[in-house]
């Protein structure tokens, strides 16, 4: 699933890049134009944001999945809320840190915003996890009931490039 999300993000960046290169339709150019496109979607087609988004997503998602799996084994499947929140704290910190670092390195953001952007992105993402925890509990309950299994990743290699 992480690779599918990564591919979707990469594809959307590529589509926005190609759309940016194509000539605009004349009526649209007259009332909104390329400046509006650049202001709203142009960032997704530029190298710095696209690279930062992909690197942050990739690192944070795999770290989150590995942490969630390891914590589940350690806790013997108990306390789902601790597992989801703890893994989010790890994954979203890496995601936010890498995203803002690469975006700052490529000139998208100034370095003076680095700490503020990492902190605010991280806090927002963790609060979303906290708010979504009841829905996660409900989803996991129904999935386990429907599938009749509870999987533990023992002996699993967390290499994102392995099959």
C-alpha atoms as a PDB file:
ATOM      1  CA  UNK A   1       0.000   0.000   0.000  1.00  0.00           C
ATOM      2  CA  UNK A   2       2.857   2.377   0.743  1.00  0.00           C
ATOM      3  CA  UNK A   3       4.348   1.775  -2.697  1.00  0.00           C
ATOM      4  CA  UNK A   4       0.916   2.359  -4.277  1.00  0.00           C
ATOM      5  CA  UNK A   5       0.583   5.680  -2.441  1.00  0.00           C
ATOM      6  CA  UNK A   6       4.116   6.613  -3.433  1.00  0.00           C
ATOM      7  CA  UNK A   7       3.356   5.804  -7.089  1.00  0.00           C
ATOM      8  CA  UNK A   8       0.144   7.862  -6.949  1.00  0.00           C
ATOM      9  CA  UNK A   9       2.009  10.837  -5.486  1.00  0.00           C
ATOM     10  CA  UNK A  10       4.761  10.539  -8.105  1.00  0.00           C
ATOM     11  CA  UNK A  11       2.213  10.224 -10.911  1.00  0.00           C
ATOM     12  CA  UNK A  12       0.239  13.249  -9.716  1.00  0.00           C
ATOM     13  CA  UNK A  13       3.451  15.308  -9.595  1.00  0.00           C
ATOM     14  CA  UNK A  14       4.267  14.215 -13.139  1.00  0.00           C
ATOM     15  CA  UNK A  15       0.755  15.044 -14.390  1.00  0.00           C
ATOM     16  CA  UNK A  16       0.874  18.516 -12.814  1.00  0.00           C
ATOM     17  CA  UNK A  17       4.319  19.049 -14.368  1.00  0.00           C
ATOM     18  CA  UNK A  18       3.074  18.071 -17.858  1.00  0.00           C
ATOM     19  CA  UNK A  19      -0.069  20.206 -17.472  1.00  0.00           C
ATOM     20  CA  UNK A  20       2.109  23.160 -16.566  1.00  0.00           C
ATOM     21  CA  UNK A  21       4.036  22.749 -19.831  1.00  0.00           C
ATOM     22  CA  UNK A  22       0.948  22.605 -22.048  1.00  0.00           C
ATOM     23  CA  UNK A  23      -0.458  25.834 -23.501  1.00  0.00           C
ATOM     24  CA  UNK A  24      -3.486  27.166 -21.651  1.00  0.00           C
ATOM     25  CA  UNK A  25      -6.892  27.447 -23.289  1.00  0.00           C
ATOM     26  CA  UNK A  26      -7.434  31.087 -24.328  1.00  0.00           C
ATOM     27  CA  UNK A  27     -10.719  31.763 -22.479  1.00  0.00           C
ATOM     28  CA  UNK A  28      -9.339  30.281 -19.270  1.00  0.00           C
ATOM     29  CA  UNK A  29      -6.099  32.206 -19.683  1.00  0.00           C
ATOM     30  CA  UNK A  30      -8.167  35.395 -19.954  1.00  0.00           C
ATOM     31  CA  UNK A  31      -9.931  35.092 -16.606  1.00  0.00           C
ATOM     32  CA  UNK A  32      -7.665  32.924 -14.458  1.00  0.00           C
ATOM     33  CA  UNK A  33      -4.585  31.926 -16.351  1.00  0.00           C
ATOM     34  CA  UNK A  34      -1.304  30.253 -15.695  1.00  0.00           C
ATOM     35  CA  UNK A  35      -0.622  32.450 -12.674  1.00  0.00           C
ATOM     36  CA  UNK A  36      -3.674  30.973 -10.922  1.00  0.00           C
ATOM     37  CA  UNK A  37      -2.574  27.442 -11.823  1.00  0.00           C
ATOM     38  CA  UNK A  38       0.933  28.099 -10.561  1.00  0.00           C
ATOM     39  CA  UNK A  39      -0.395  29.601  -7.324  1.00  0.00           C
ATOM     40  CA  UNK A  40      -2.677  26.643  -6.583  1.00  0.00           C
ATOM     41  CA  UNK A  41      -1.185  23.535  -8.215  1.00  0.00           C
ATOM     42  CA  UNK A  42       2.148  24.675  -9.579  1.00  0.00           C
ATOM     43  CA  UNK A  43       4.022  23.722  -6.428  1.00  0.00           C
ATOM     44  CA  UNK A  44       3.192  20.064  -6.965  1.00  0.00           C
ATOM     45  CA  UNK A  45       4.934  20.212 -10.315  1.00  0.00           C
ATOM     46  CA  UNK A  46       8.172  21.834  -9.224  1.00  0.00           C
ATOM     47  CA  UNK A  47      11.174  19.776  -8.228  1.00  0.00           C
ATOM     48  CA  UNK A  48      11.614  20.912  -4.641  1.00  0.00           C
ATOM     49  CA  UNK A  49       8.113  20.238  -3.363  1.00  0.00           C
ATOM     50  CA  UNK A  50       7.688  17.038  -5.377  1.00  0.00           C
ATOM     51  CA  UNK A  51      11.020  15.632  -4.198  1.00  0.00           C
ATOM     52  CA  UNK A  52      10.383  16.699  -0.593  1.00  0.00           C
ATOM     53  CA  UNK A  53       6.889  15.199  -0.616  1.00  0.00           C
ATOM     54  CA  UNK A  54       8.039  11.899  -2.076  1.00  0.00           C
ATOM     55  CA  UNK A  55      11.024  11.535   0.261  1.00  0.00           C
ATOM     56  CA  UNK A  56       9.024  12.509   3.358  1.00  0.00           C
ATOM     57  CA  UNK A  57       6.112  10.236   2.490  1.00  0.00           C
ATOM     58  CA  UNK A  58       8.363   7.271   1.679  1.00  0.00           C
ATOM     59  CA  UNK A  59      10.471   7.516   4.824  1.00  0.00           C
ATOM     60  CA  UNK A  60       7.653   8.373   7.209  1.00  0.00           C
ATOM     61  CA  UNK A  61       5.265   5.731   5.897  1.00  0.00           C
ATOM     62  CA  UNK A  62       7.744   2.879   6.053  1.00  0.00           C
ATOM     63  CA  UNK A  63       8.922   3.968   9.520  1.00  0.00           C
ATOM     64  CA  UNK A  64       5.305   4.154  10.699  1.00  0.00           C
ATOM     65  CA  UNK A  65       4.484   0.693   9.324  1.00  0.00           C
ATOM     66  CA  UNK A  66       7.611  -0.895  10.815  1.00  0.00           C
ATOM     67  CA  UNK A  67       7.036   0.733  14.211  1.00  0.00           C
ATOM     68  CA  UNK A  68       3.363  -0.254  14.263  1.00  0.00           C
ATOM     69  CA  UNK A  69       4.237  -3.847  13.461  1.00  0.00           C
ATOM     70  CA  UNK A  70       7.075  -4.100  15.994  1.00  0.00           C
ATOM     71  CA  UNK A  71       5.013  -2.504  18.757  1.00  0.00           C
ATOM     72  CA  UNK A  72       2.119  -4.899  18.050  1.00  0.00           C
ATOM     73  CA  UNK A  73       4.426  -7.885  18.555  1.00  0.00           C
ATOM     74  CA  UNK A  74       5.939  -6.383  21.711  1.00  0.00           C
ATOM     75  CA  UNK A  75       2.504  -5.607  23.175  1.00  0.00           C
ATOM     76  CA  UNK A  76       1.047  -8.973  22.092  1.00  0.00           C
ATOM     77  CA  UNK A  77      -1.683  -7.219  20.119  1.00  0.00           C
ATOM     78  CA  UNK A  78      -3.035  -5.172  23.018  1.00  0.00           C
ATOM     79  CA  UNK A  79      -3.730  -1.439  23.240  1.00  0.00           C
ATOM     80  CA  UNK A  80      -4.256  -0.541  19.601  1.00  0.00           C
ATOM     81  CA  UNK A  81      -4.431   3.163  20.462  1.00  0.00           C
ATOM     82  CA  UNK A  82      -0.921   3.096  21.953  1.00  0.00           C
ATOM     83  CA  UNK A  83       0.430   1.338  18.878  1.00  0.00           C
ATOM     84  CA  UNK A  84      -1.194   3.667  16.353  1.00  0.00           C
ATOM     85  CA  UNK A  85      -0.283   6.849  18.179  1.00  0.00           C
ATOM     86  CA  UNK A  86       3.295   5.742  18.976  1.00  0.00           C
ATOM     87  CA  UNK A  87       3.963   4.679  15.389  1.00  0.00           C
ATOM     88  CA  UNK A  88       2.483   7.951  14.126  1.00  0.00           C
ATOM     89  CA  UNK A  89       4.745   9.931  16.442  1.00  0.00           C
ATOM     90  CA  UNK A  90       7.745   8.205  14.842  1.00  0.00           C
ATOM     91  CA  UNK A  91       6.599   8.174  11.213  1.00  0.00           C
ATOM     92  CA  UNK A  92       5.202  11.687  11.070  1.00  0.00           C
ATOM     93  CA  UNK A  93       8.251  13.150  12.760  1.00  0.00           C
ATOM     94  CA  UNK A  94      10.463  11.647  10.047  1.00  0.00           C
ATOM     95  CA  UNK A  95       8.006  12.664   7.319  1.00  0.00           C
ATOM     96  CA  UNK A  96       7.830  16.279   8.540  1.00  0.00           C
ATOM     97  CA  UNK A  97      11.566  16.560   9.166  1.00  0.00           C
ATOM     98  CA  UNK A  98      12.591  15.181   5.777  1.00  0.00           C
ATOM     99  CA  UNK A  99       9.902  17.092   3.870  1.00  0.00           C
ATOM    100  CA  UNK A 100      10.837  20.460   5.368  1.00  0.00           C
ATOM    101  CA  UNK A 101      14.577  19.731   5.133  1.00  0.00           C
ATOM    102  CA  UNK A 102      14.465  18.908   1.404  1.00  0.00           C
ATOM    103  CA  UNK A 103      12.025  21.734   0.674  1.00  0.00           C
ATOM    104  CA  UNK A 104      14.335  24.167   2.487  1.00  0.00           C
ATOM    105  CA  UNK A 105      17.415  22.711   0.819  1.00  0.00           C
ATOM    106  CA  UNK A 106      15.858  23.244  -2.622  1.00  0.00           C
ATOM    107  CA  UNK A 107      14.780  26.804  -1.805  1.00  0.00           C
ATOM    108  CA  UNK A 108      11.039  26.233  -1.466  1.00  0.00           C
ATOM    109  CA  UNK A 109      11.091  27.461   2.145  1.00  0.00           C
ATOM    110  CA  UNK A 110      13.606  29.680   3.867  1.00  0.00           C
ATOM    111  CA  UNK A 111      15.731  28.090   6.594  1.00  0.00           C
ATOM    112  CA  UNK A 112      14.329  30.561   9.103  1.00  0.00           C
ATOM    113  CA  UNK A 113      11.025  28.651   8.878  1.00  0.00           C
ATOM    114  CA  UNK A 114      12.580  25.213   9.349  1.00  0.00           C
ATOM    115  CA  UNK A 115      11.783  24.587  13.037  1.00  0.00           C
ATOM    116  CA  UNK A 116       8.345  26.205  12.841  1.00  0.00           C
ATOM    117  CA  UNK A 117       7.324  24.201   9.767  1.00  0.00           C
ATOM    118  CA  UNK A 118       8.593  20.889  11.146  1.00  0.00           C
ATOM    119  CA  UNK A 119       6.827  21.509  14.456  1.00  0.00           C
ATOM    120  CA  UNK A 120       3.482  22.673  13.019  1.00  0.00           C
ATOM    121  CA  UNK A 121       3.352  19.906  10.382  1.00  0.00           C
ATOM    122  CA  UNK A 122       4.207  17.301  12.994  1.00  0.00           C
ATOM    123  CA  UNK A 123       1.671  18.520  15.554  1.00  0.00           C
ATOM    124  CA  UNK A 124      -1.104  18.739  12.942  1.00  0.00           C
ATOM    125  CA  UNK A 125      -0.466  15.205  11.647  1.00  0.00           C
ATOM    126  CA  UNK A 126      -0.352  13.757  15.165  1.00  0.00           C
ATOM    127  CA  UNK A 127      -3.595  15.530  16.105  1.00  0.00           C
ATOM    128  CA  UNK A 128      -5.276  14.050  13.029  1.00  0.00           C
ATOM    129  CA  UNK A 129      -4.167  10.574  14.197  1.00  0.00           C
ATOM    130  CA  UNK A 130      -5.545  11.255  17.655  1.00  0.00           C
ATOM    131  CA  UNK A 131      -8.911  12.400  16.288  1.00  0.00           C
ATOM    132  CA  UNK A 132      -9.089   9.423  13.903  1.00  0.00           C
ATOM    133  CA  UNK A 133      -8.271   6.821  16.584  1.00  0.00           C
ATOM    134  CA  UNK A 134     -11.938   5.928  17.288  1.00  0.00           C
ATOM    135  CA  UNK A 135     -12.535   5.355  13.557  1.00  0.00           C
ATOM    136  CA  UNK A 136      -9.389   3.221  13.443  1.00  0.00           C
ATOM    137  CA  UNK A 137     -10.706   1.098  16.323  1.00  0.00           C
ATOM    138  CA  UNK A 138     -14.013   0.616  14.519  1.00  0.00           C
ATOM    139  CA  UNK A 139     -12.353  -0.265  11.205  1.00  0.00           C
ATOM    140  CA  UNK A 140      -9.944  -2.749  12.801  1.00  0.00           C
ATOM    141  CA  UNK A 141     -12.779  -4.391  14.735  1.00  0.00           C
ATOM    142  CA  UNK A 142     -14.860  -4.953  11.596  1.00  0.00           C
ATOM    143  CA  UNK A 143     -11.890  -6.110   9.496  1.00  0.00           C
ATOM    144  CA  UNK A 144     -10.746  -8.644  12.093  1.00  0.00           C
ATOM    145  CA  UNK A 145     -14.304  -9.911  12.484  1.00  0.00           C
ATOM    146  CA  UNK A 146     -14.816 -10.222   8.715  1.00  0.00           C
ATOM    147  CA  UNK A 147     -11.434 -11.839   8.033  1.00  0.00           C
ATOM    148  CA  UNK A 148     -11.295 -13.926  11.178  1.00  0.00           C
ATOM    149  CA  UNK A 149      -7.544 -13.381  11.584  1.00  0.00           C
ATOM    150  CA  UNK A 150      -5.165 -11.189  13.502  1.00  0.00           C
ATOM    151  CA  UNK A 151      -1.764 -11.006  11.834  1.00  0.00           C
ATOM    152  CA  UNK A 152       1.530 -10.570  13.692  1.00  0.00           C
ATOM    153  CA  UNK A 153       4.621  -9.671  11.660  1.00  0.00           C
ATOM    154  CA  UNK A 154       7.085 -11.951  13.431  1.00  0.00           C
ATOM    155  CA  UNK A 155      10.219 -12.742  11.478  1.00  0.00           C
ATOM    156  CA  UNK A 156       9.287 -10.114   8.887  1.00  0.00           C
ATOM    157  CA  UNK A 157      12.047  -8.082   7.233  1.00  0.00           C
ATOM    158  CA  UNK A 158      11.154  -4.396   7.040  1.00  0.00           C
ATOM    159  CA  UNK A 159      13.221  -3.687   3.941  1.00  0.00           C
ATOM    160  CA  UNK A 160      11.111  -1.468   1.669  1.00  0.00           C
ATOM    161  CA  UNK A 161      12.987  -2.819  -1.357  1.00  0.00           C
ATOM    162  CA  UNK A 162      12.559  -6.516  -0.473  1.00  0.00           C
ATOM    163  CA  UNK A 163       9.818  -8.701  -1.804  1.00  0.00           C
END
